[in-house]
Amino acid sequence: MKKVSNSKPRAKRSDDMHPEYDFDYSKAKSNRFAGRIASDQTVVLLDPEVSKFFTDSESVNAALRALITALPKNVKREARK
């Protein structure tokens, strides 16, 4: 007796698609970080040497707020536009 596979046959890729882009979506997981970032927030990546000093968002925000207060007034006005 022949074994029958329960898995769906994979879709054939078009000829212009490279084989390294043939992604098996059956092994994909949902993004656990999706929905955690509010629409008015911006996510940035810190370089490793910077992240040694700023280990959380509060320390980054405090440093940036201090920098903003040190900026000339005309630069602050331009940023608000």
PDB file of N, CA and C in Angstrom:
ATOM      1  N   MET A   1       0.841  -1.190   0.000  1.00  0.00           N
ATOM      2  CA  MET A   1       0.000   0.000   0.000  1.00  0.00           C
ATOM      3  C   MET A   1       0.880   1.247   0.000  1.00  0.00           C
ATOM      4  N   LYS A   2       0.535   2.205  -0.809  1.00  0.00           N
ATOM      5  CA  LYS A   2       1.313   3.429  -0.976  1.00  0.00           C
ATOM      6  C   LYS A   2       0.903   4.462   0.073  1.00  0.00           C
ATOM      7  N   LYS A   3       1.906   5.134   0.700  1.00  0.00           N
ATOM      8  CA  LYS A   3       1.622   6.196   1.664  1.00  0.00           C
ATOM      9  C   LYS A   3       1.153   7.440   0.935  1.00  0.00           C
ATOM     10  N   VAL A   4       0.166   8.079   1.498  1.00  0.00           N
ATOM     11  CA  VAL A   4      -0.375   9.298   0.916  1.00  0.00           C
ATOM     12  C   VAL A   4       0.015  10.462   1.821  1.00  0.00           C
ATOM     13  N   SER A   5       0.607  11.464   1.237  1.00  0.00           N
ATOM     14  CA  SER A   5       1.030  12.639   1.991  1.00  0.00           C
ATOM     15  C   SER A   5      -0.158  13.564   2.207  1.00  0.00           C
ATOM     16  N   ASN A   6      -0.272  14.089   3.434  1.00  0.00           N
ATOM     17  CA  ASN A   6      -1.345  15.037   3.754  1.00  0.00           C
ATOM     18  C   ASN A   6      -0.977  16.472   3.412  1.00  0.00           C
ATOM     19  N   SER A   7       0.299  16.710   3.139  1.00  0.00           N
ATOM     20  CA  SER A   7       0.718  18.077   2.853  1.00  0.00           C
ATOM     21  C   SER A   7       0.262  18.503   1.466  1.00  0.00           C
ATOM     22  N   LYS A   8       0.015  19.787   1.357  1.00  0.00           N
ATOM     23  CA  LYS A   8      -0.412  20.341   0.070  1.00  0.00           C
ATOM     24  C   LYS A   8       0.777  20.413  -0.867  1.00  0.00           C
ATOM     25  N   PRO A   9       0.575  20.233  -2.145  1.00  0.00           N
ATOM     26  CA  PRO A   9       1.698  20.374  -3.081  1.00  0.00           C
ATOM     27  C   PRO A   9       2.157  21.816  -3.124  1.00  0.00           C
ATOM     28  N   ARG A  10       3.458  22.012  -3.202  1.00  0.00           N
ATOM     29  CA  ARG A  10       4.014  23.360  -3.235  1.00  0.00           C
ATOM     30  C   ARG A  10       3.702  24.020  -4.572  1.00  0.00           C
ATOM     31  N   ALA A  11       3.420  25.296  -4.499  1.00  0.00           N
ATOM     32  CA  ALA A  11       3.141  26.050  -5.715  1.00  0.00           C
ATOM     33  C   ALA A  11       4.418  26.175  -6.532  1.00  0.00           C
ATOM     34  N   LYS A  12       4.279  26.039  -7.818  1.00  0.00           N
ATOM     35  CA  LYS A  12       5.450  26.184  -8.680  1.00  0.00           C
ATOM     36  C   LYS A  12       5.774  27.658  -8.819  1.00  0.00           C
ATOM     37  N   ARG A  13       7.043  27.957  -8.722  1.00  0.00           N
ATOM     38  CA  ARG A  13       7.445  29.353  -8.846  1.00  0.00           C
ATOM     39  C   ARG A  13       7.639  29.695 -10.317  1.00  0.00           C
ATOM     40  N   SER A  14       7.511  30.954 -10.603  1.00  0.00           N
ATOM     41  CA  SER A  14       7.692  31.383 -11.984  1.00  0.00           C
ATOM     42  C   SER A  14       9.170  31.309 -12.352  1.00  0.00           C
ATOM     43  N   ASP A  15       9.456  31.305 -13.611  1.00  0.00           N
ATOM     44  CA  ASP A  15      10.832  31.142 -14.085  1.00  0.00           C
ATOM     45  C   ASP A  15      11.742  32.303 -13.702  1.00  0.00           C
ATOM     46  N   ASP A  16      11.170  33.470 -13.427  1.00  0.00           N
ATOM     47  CA  ASP A  16      12.006  34.613 -13.089  1.00  0.00           C
ATOM     48  C   ASP A  16      12.344  34.681 -11.593  1.00  0.00           C
ATOM     49  N   MET A  17      11.853  33.745 -10.784  1.00  0.00           N
ATOM     50  CA  MET A  17      12.110  33.720  -9.351  1.00  0.00           C
ATOM     51  C   MET A  17      13.300  32.807  -9.055  1.00  0.00           C
ATOM     52  N   HIS A  18      14.251  33.330  -8.297  1.00  0.00           N
ATOM     53  CA  HIS A  18      15.412  32.537  -7.915  1.00  0.00           C
ATOM     54  C   HIS A  18      15.009  31.510  -6.851  1.00  0.00           C
ATOM     55  N   PRO A  19      15.641  30.354  -6.827  1.00  0.00           N
ATOM     56  CA  PRO A  19      15.253  29.320  -5.875  1.00  0.00           C
ATOM     57  C   PRO A  19      15.427  29.727  -4.416  1.00  0.00           C
ATOM     58  N   GLU A  20      16.357  30.635  -4.105  1.00  0.00           N
ATOM     59  CA  GLU A  20      16.542  31.042  -2.713  1.00  0.00           C
ATOM     60  C   GLU A  20      15.359  31.845  -2.173  1.00  0.00           C
ATOM     61  N   TYR A  21      14.473  32.300  -3.056  1.00  0.00           N
ATOM     62  CA  TYR A  21      13.285  33.033  -2.620  1.00  0.00           C
ATOM     63  C   TYR A  21      12.059  32.137  -2.499  1.00  0.00           C
ATOM     64  N   ASP A  22      12.241  30.849  -2.677  1.00  0.00           N
ATOM     65  CA  ASP A  22      11.148  29.894  -2.544  1.00  0.00           C
ATOM     66  C   ASP A  22      10.948  29.617  -1.061  1.00  0.00           C
ATOM     67  N   PHE A  23      10.060  30.357  -0.419  1.00  0.00           N
ATOM     68  CA  PHE A  23       9.873  30.305   1.023  1.00  0.00           C
ATOM     69  C   PHE A  23       8.750  29.348   1.379  1.00  0.00           C
ATOM     70  N   ASP A  24       8.992  28.480   2.338  1.00  0.00           N
ATOM     71  CA  ASP A  24       7.994  27.523   2.799  1.00  0.00           C
ATOM     72  C   ASP A  24       7.172  28.174   3.916  1.00  0.00           C
ATOM     73  N   TYR A  25       6.006  28.679   3.586  1.00  0.00           N
ATOM     74  CA  TYR A  25       5.172  29.403   4.541  1.00  0.00           C
ATOM     75  C   TYR A  25       4.545  28.489   5.592  1.00  0.00           C
ATOM     76  N   SER A  26       4.604  27.186   5.414  1.00  0.00           N
ATOM     77  CA  SER A  26       4.031  26.288   6.418  1.00  0.00           C
ATOM     78  C   SER A  26       4.831  26.325   7.712  1.00  0.00           C
ATOM     79  N   LYS A  27       6.089  26.781   7.651  1.00  0.00           N
ATOM     80  CA  LYS A  27       6.931  26.871   8.844  1.00  0.00           C
ATOM     81  C   LYS A  27       6.977  28.286   9.420  1.00  0.00           C
ATOM     82  N   ALA A  28       6.241  29.200   8.832  1.00  0.00           N
ATOM     83  CA  ALA A  28       6.274  30.597   9.265  1.00  0.00           C
ATOM     84  C   ALA A  28       5.550  30.772  10.594  1.00  0.00           C
ATOM     85  N   LYS A  29       6.019  31.735  11.385  1.00  0.00           N
ATOM     86  CA  LYS A  29       5.410  32.067  12.664  1.00  0.00           C
ATOM     87  C   LYS A  29       4.943  33.509  12.607  1.00  0.00           C
ATOM     88  N   SER A  30       3.922  33.815  13.362  1.00  0.00           N
ATOM     89  CA  SER A  30       3.433  35.185  13.375  1.00  0.00           C
ATOM     90  C   SER A  30       4.438  36.076  14.096  1.00  0.00           C
ATOM     91  N   ASN A  31       4.431  37.342  13.756  1.00  0.00           N
ATOM     92  CA  ASN A  31       5.352  38.304  14.349  1.00  0.00           C
ATOM     93  C   ASN A  31       4.899  38.623  15.762  1.00  0.00           C
ATOM     94  N   ARG A  32       5.696  38.223  16.753  1.00  0.00           N
ATOM     95  CA  ARG A  32       5.299  38.444  18.136  1.00  0.00           C
ATOM     96  C   ARG A  32       5.395  39.905  18.551  1.00  0.00           C
ATOM     97  N   PHE A  33       6.056  40.734  17.753  1.00  0.00           N
ATOM     98  CA  PHE A  33       6.191  42.149  18.080  1.00  0.00           C
ATOM     99  C   PHE A  33       5.160  43.017  17.359  1.00  0.00           C
ATOM    100  N   ALA A  34       4.408  42.456  16.469  1.00  0.00           N
ATOM    101  CA  ALA A  34       3.426  43.227  15.711  1.00  0.00           C
ATOM    102  C   ALA A  34       2.356  43.772  16.655  1.00  0.00           C
ATOM    103  N   GLY A  35       2.017  45.003  16.487  1.00  0.00           N
ATOM    104  CA  GLY A  35       0.979  45.619  17.289  1.00  0.00           C
ATOM    105  C   GLY A  35       1.464  46.241  18.579  1.00  0.00           C
ATOM    106  N   ARG A  36       2.714  46.069  18.937  1.00  0.00           N
ATOM    107  CA  ARG A  36       3.220  46.638  20.185  1.00  0.00           C
ATOM    108  C   ARG A  36       3.636  48.094  20.035  1.00  0.00           C
ATOM    109  N   ILE A  37       3.855  48.561  18.830  1.00  0.00           N
ATOM    110  CA  ILE A  37       4.345  49.906  18.598  1.00  0.00           C
ATOM    111  C   ILE A  37       3.173  50.793  18.192  1.00  0.00           C
ATOM    112  N   ALA A  38       2.979  51.858  18.930  1.00  0.00           N
ATOM    113  CA  ALA A  38       1.903  52.791  18.618  1.00  0.00           C
ATOM    114  C   ALA A  38       2.225  53.522  17.320  1.00  0.00           C
ATOM    115  N   SER A  39       1.202  54.011  16.679  1.00  0.00           N
ATOM    116  CA  SER A  39       1.378  54.676  15.383  1.00  0.00           C
ATOM    117  C   SER A  39       2.178  55.969  15.484  1.00  0.00           C
ATOM    118  N   ASP A  40       2.212  56.590  16.659  1.00  0.00           N
ATOM    119  CA  ASP A  40       2.953  57.845  16.812  1.00  0.00           C
ATOM    120  C   ASP A  40       4.377  57.620  17.322  1.00  0.00           C
ATOM    121  N   GLN A  41       4.825  56.383  17.390  1.00  0.00           N
ATOM    122  CA  GLN A  41       6.181  56.081  17.830  1.00  0.00           C
ATOM    123  C   GLN A  41       7.051  55.712  16.636  1.00  0.00           C
ATOM    124  N   THR A  42       8.365  55.933  16.789  1.00  0.00           N
ATOM    125  CA  THR A  42       9.328  55.591  15.763  1.00  0.00           C
ATOM    126  C   THR A  42      10.333  54.620  16.351  1.00  0.00           C
ATOM    127  N   VAL A  43      10.623  53.576  15.625  1.00  0.00           N
ATOM    128  CA  VAL A  43      11.599  52.586  16.076  1.00  0.00           C
ATOM    129  C   VAL A  43      12.914  52.856  15.361  1.00  0.00           C
ATOM    130  N   VAL A  44      14.001  52.905  16.129  1.00  0.00           N
ATOM    131  CA  VAL A  44      15.331  53.100  15.559  1.00  0.00           C
ATOM    132  C   VAL A  44      16.264  52.026  16.086  1.00  0.00           C
ATOM    133  N   LEU A  45      17.291  51.731  15.332  1.00  0.00           N
ATOM    134  CA  LEU A  45      18.308  50.774  15.755  1.00  0.00           C
ATOM    135  C   LEU A  45      19.548  51.530  16.176  1.00  0.00           C
ATOM    136  N   LEU A  46      20.059  51.189  17.339  1.00  0.00           N
ATOM    137  CA  LEU A  46      21.275  51.822  17.834  1.00  0.00           C
ATOM    138  C   LEU A  46      22.472  50.960  17.457  1.00  0.00           C
ATOM    139  N   ASP A  47      23.571  51.611  17.145  1.00  0.00           N
ATOM    140  CA  ASP A  47      24.811  50.881  16.911  1.00  0.00           C
ATOM    141  C   ASP A  47      25.249  50.226  18.216  1.00  0.00           C
ATOM    142  N   PRO A  48      25.968  49.114  18.135  1.00  0.00           N
ATOM    143  CA  PRO A  48      26.359  48.396  19.350  1.00  0.00           C
ATOM    144  C   PRO A  48      27.110  49.249  20.369  1.00  0.00           C
ATOM    145  N   GLU A  49      28.016  50.117  19.903  1.00  0.00           N
ATOM    146  CA  GLU A  49      28.764  50.938  20.864  1.00  0.00           C
ATOM    147  C   GLU A  49      27.876  51.971  21.543  1.00  0.00           C
ATOM    148  N   VAL A  50      26.815  52.405  20.882  1.00  0.00           N
ATOM    149  CA  VAL A  50      25.869  53.350  21.486  1.00  0.00           C
ATOM    150  C   VAL A  50      24.948  52.624  22.460  1.00  0.00           C
ATOM    151  N   SER A  51      24.537  51.417  22.101  1.00  0.00           N
ATOM    152  CA  SER A  51      23.609  50.676  22.957  1.00  0.00           C
ATOM    153  C   SER A  51      24.232  50.257  24.282  1.00  0.00           C
ATOM    154  N   LYS A  52      25.565  50.301  24.380  1.00  0.00           N
ATOM    155  CA  LYS A  52      26.212  50.014  25.666  1.00  0.00           C
ATOM    156  C   LYS A  52      25.890  51.101  26.690  1.00  0.00           C
ATOM    157  N   PHE A  53      25.667  52.335  26.218  1.00  0.00           N
ATOM    158  CA  PHE A  53      25.370  53.454  27.101  1.00  0.00           C
ATOM    159  C   PHE A  53      23.872  53.660  27.288  1.00  0.00           C
ATOM    160  N   PHE A  54      23.098  53.346  26.267  1.00  0.00           N
ATOM    161  CA  PHE A  54      21.652  53.537  26.314  1.00  0.00           C
ATOM    162  C   PHE A  54      20.989  52.166  26.251  1.00  0.00           C
ATOM    163  N   THR A  55      20.658  51.649  27.407  1.00  0.00           N
ATOM    164  CA  THR A  55      20.142  50.282  27.479  1.00  0.00           C
ATOM    165  C   THR A  55      18.620  50.197  27.449  1.00  0.00           C
ATOM    166  N   ASP A  56      17.950  51.342  27.560  1.00  0.00           N
ATOM    167  CA  ASP A  56      16.495  51.324  27.505  1.00  0.00           C
ATOM    168  C   ASP A  56      15.985  52.609  26.854  1.00  0.00           C
ATOM    169  N   SER A  57      14.695  52.621  26.542  1.00  0.00           N
ATOM    170  CA  SER A  57      14.129  53.775  25.835  1.00  0.00           C
ATOM    171  C   SER A  57      14.132  55.032  26.691  1.00  0.00           C
ATOM    172  N   GLU A  58      14.006  54.884  28.004  1.00  0.00           N
ATOM    173  CA  GLU A  58      13.995  56.056  28.882  1.00  0.00           C
ATOM    174  C   GLU A  58      15.321  56.814  28.821  1.00  0.00           C
ATOM    175  N   SER A  59      16.442  56.090  28.807  1.00  0.00           N
ATOM    176  CA  SER A  59      17.744  56.763  28.757  1.00  0.00           C
ATOM    177  C   SER A  59      17.972  57.435  27.404  1.00  0.00           C
ATOM    178  N   VAL A  60      17.504  56.828  26.345  1.00  0.00           N
ATOM    179  CA  VAL A  60      17.629  57.443  25.016  1.00  0.00           C
ATOM    180  C   VAL A  60      16.780  58.701  24.949  1.00  0.00           C
ATOM    181  N   ASN A  61      15.546  58.620  25.420  1.00  0.00           N
ATOM    182  CA  ASN A  61      14.655  59.782  25.389  1.00  0.00           C
ATOM    183  C   ASN A  61      15.186  60.920  26.248  1.00  0.00           C
ATOM    184  N   ALA A  62      15.749  60.612  27.411  1.00  0.00           N
ATOM    185  CA  ALA A  62      16.307  61.656  28.281  1.00  0.00           C
ATOM    186  C   ALA A  62      17.470  62.364  27.592  1.00  0.00           C
ATOM    187  N   ALA A  63      18.343  61.606  26.941  1.00  0.00           N
ATOM    188  CA  ALA A  63      19.482  62.209  26.244  1.00  0.00           C
ATOM    189  C   ALA A  63      19.019  63.059  25.071  1.00  0.00           C
ATOM    190  N   LEU A  64      18.041  62.583  24.330  1.00  0.00           N
ATOM    191  CA  LEU A  64      17.546  63.353  23.182  1.00  0.00           C
ATOM    192  C   LEU A  64      16.814  64.620  23.632  1.00  0.00           C
ATOM    193  N   ARG A  65      16.082  64.533  24.725  1.00  0.00           N
ATOM    194  CA  ARG A  65      15.413  65.736  25.246  1.00  0.00           C
ATOM    195  C   ARG A  65      16.438  66.777  25.693  1.00  0.00           C
ATOM    196  N   ALA A  66      17.530  66.327  26.313  1.00  0.00           N
ATOM    197  CA  ALA A  66      18.594  67.251  26.714  1.00  0.00           C
ATOM    198  C   ALA A  66      19.225  67.893  25.489  1.00  0.00           C
ATOM    199  N   LEU A  67      19.407  67.127  24.447  1.00  0.00           N
ATOM    200  CA  LEU A  67      19.966  67.658  23.199  1.00  0.00           C
ATOM    201  C   LEU A  67      19.019  68.676  22.578  1.00  0.00           C
ATOM    202  N   ILE A  68      17.738  68.391  22.612  1.00  0.00           N
ATOM    203  CA  ILE A  68      16.749  69.309  22.037  1.00  0.00           C
ATOM    204  C   ILE A  68      16.769  70.648  22.769  1.00  0.00           C
ATOM    205  N   THR A  69      16.898  70.627  24.095  1.00  0.00           N
ATOM    206  CA  THR A  69      16.925  71.888  24.842  1.00  0.00           C
ATOM    207  C   THR A  69      18.195  72.682  24.546  1.00  0.00           C
ATOM    208  N   ALA A  70      19.259  72.018  24.118  1.00  0.00           N
ATOM    209  CA  ALA A  70      20.509  72.709  23.805  1.00  0.00           C
ATOM    210  C   ALA A  70      20.529  73.268  22.383  1.00  0.00           C
ATOM    211  N   LEU A  71      19.571  72.879  21.550  1.00  0.00           N
ATOM    212  CA  LEU A  71      19.534  73.362  20.168  1.00  0.00           C
ATOM    213  C   LEU A  71      19.143  74.836  20.118  1.00  0.00           C
ATOM    214  N   PRO A  72      19.627  75.554  19.114  1.00  0.00           N
ATOM    215  CA  PRO A  72      19.186  76.946  18.941  1.00  0.00           C
ATOM    216  C   PRO A  72      17.686  76.991  18.662  1.00  0.00           C
ATOM    217  N   LYS A  73      17.049  78.090  19.042  1.00  0.00           N
ATOM    218  CA  LYS A  73      15.592  78.209  18.910  1.00  0.00           C
ATOM    219  C   LYS A  73      15.121  78.088  17.468  1.00  0.00           C
ATOM    220  N   ASN A  74      15.888  78.611  16.514  1.00  0.00           N
ATOM    221  CA  ASN A  74      15.438  78.540  15.121  1.00  0.00           C
ATOM    222  C   ASN A  74      15.414  77.088  14.623  1.00  0.00           C
ATOM    223  N   VAL A  75      16.268  76.239  15.107  1.00  0.00           N
ATOM    224  CA  VAL A  75      16.263  74.823  14.716  1.00  0.00           C
ATOM    225  C   VAL A  75      15.033  74.133  15.303  1.00  0.00           C
ATOM    226  N   LYS A  76      14.679  74.476  16.528  1.00  0.00           N
ATOM    227  CA  LYS A  76      13.494  73.897  17.177  1.00  0.00           C
ATOM    228  C   LYS A  76      12.225  74.263  16.421  1.00  0.00           C
ATOM    229  N   ARG A  77      12.136  75.514  15.961  1.00  0.00           N
ATOM    230  CA  ARG A  77      10.955  75.961  15.223  1.00  0.00           C
ATOM    231  C   ARG A  77      10.829  75.221  13.902  1.00  0.00           C
ATOM    232  N   GLU A  78      11.934  74.986  13.205  1.00  0.00           N
ATOM    233  CA  GLU A  78      11.921  74.280  11.917  1.00  0.00           C
ATOM    234  C   GLU A  78      11.486  72.838  12.106  1.00  0.00           C
ATOM    235  N   ALA A  79      11.851  72.229  13.210  1.00  0.00           N
ATOM    236  CA  ALA A  79      11.518  70.839  13.461  1.00  0.00           C
ATOM    237  C   ALA A  79      10.027  70.663  13.703  1.00  0.00           C
ATOM    238  N   ARG A  80       9.362  71.671  14.212  1.00  0.00           N
ATOM    239  CA  ARG A  80       7.928  71.584  14.506  1.00  0.00           C
ATOM    240  C   ARG A  80       7.074  71.667  13.257  1.00  0.00           C
ATOM    241  N   LYS A  81       7.580  72.189  12.183  1.00  0.00           N
ATOM    242  CA  LYS A  81       6.786  72.368  10.957  1.00  0.00           C
ATOM    243  C   LYS A  81       6.364  71.076  10.368  1.00  0.00           C
TER     244      LYS A  81
END
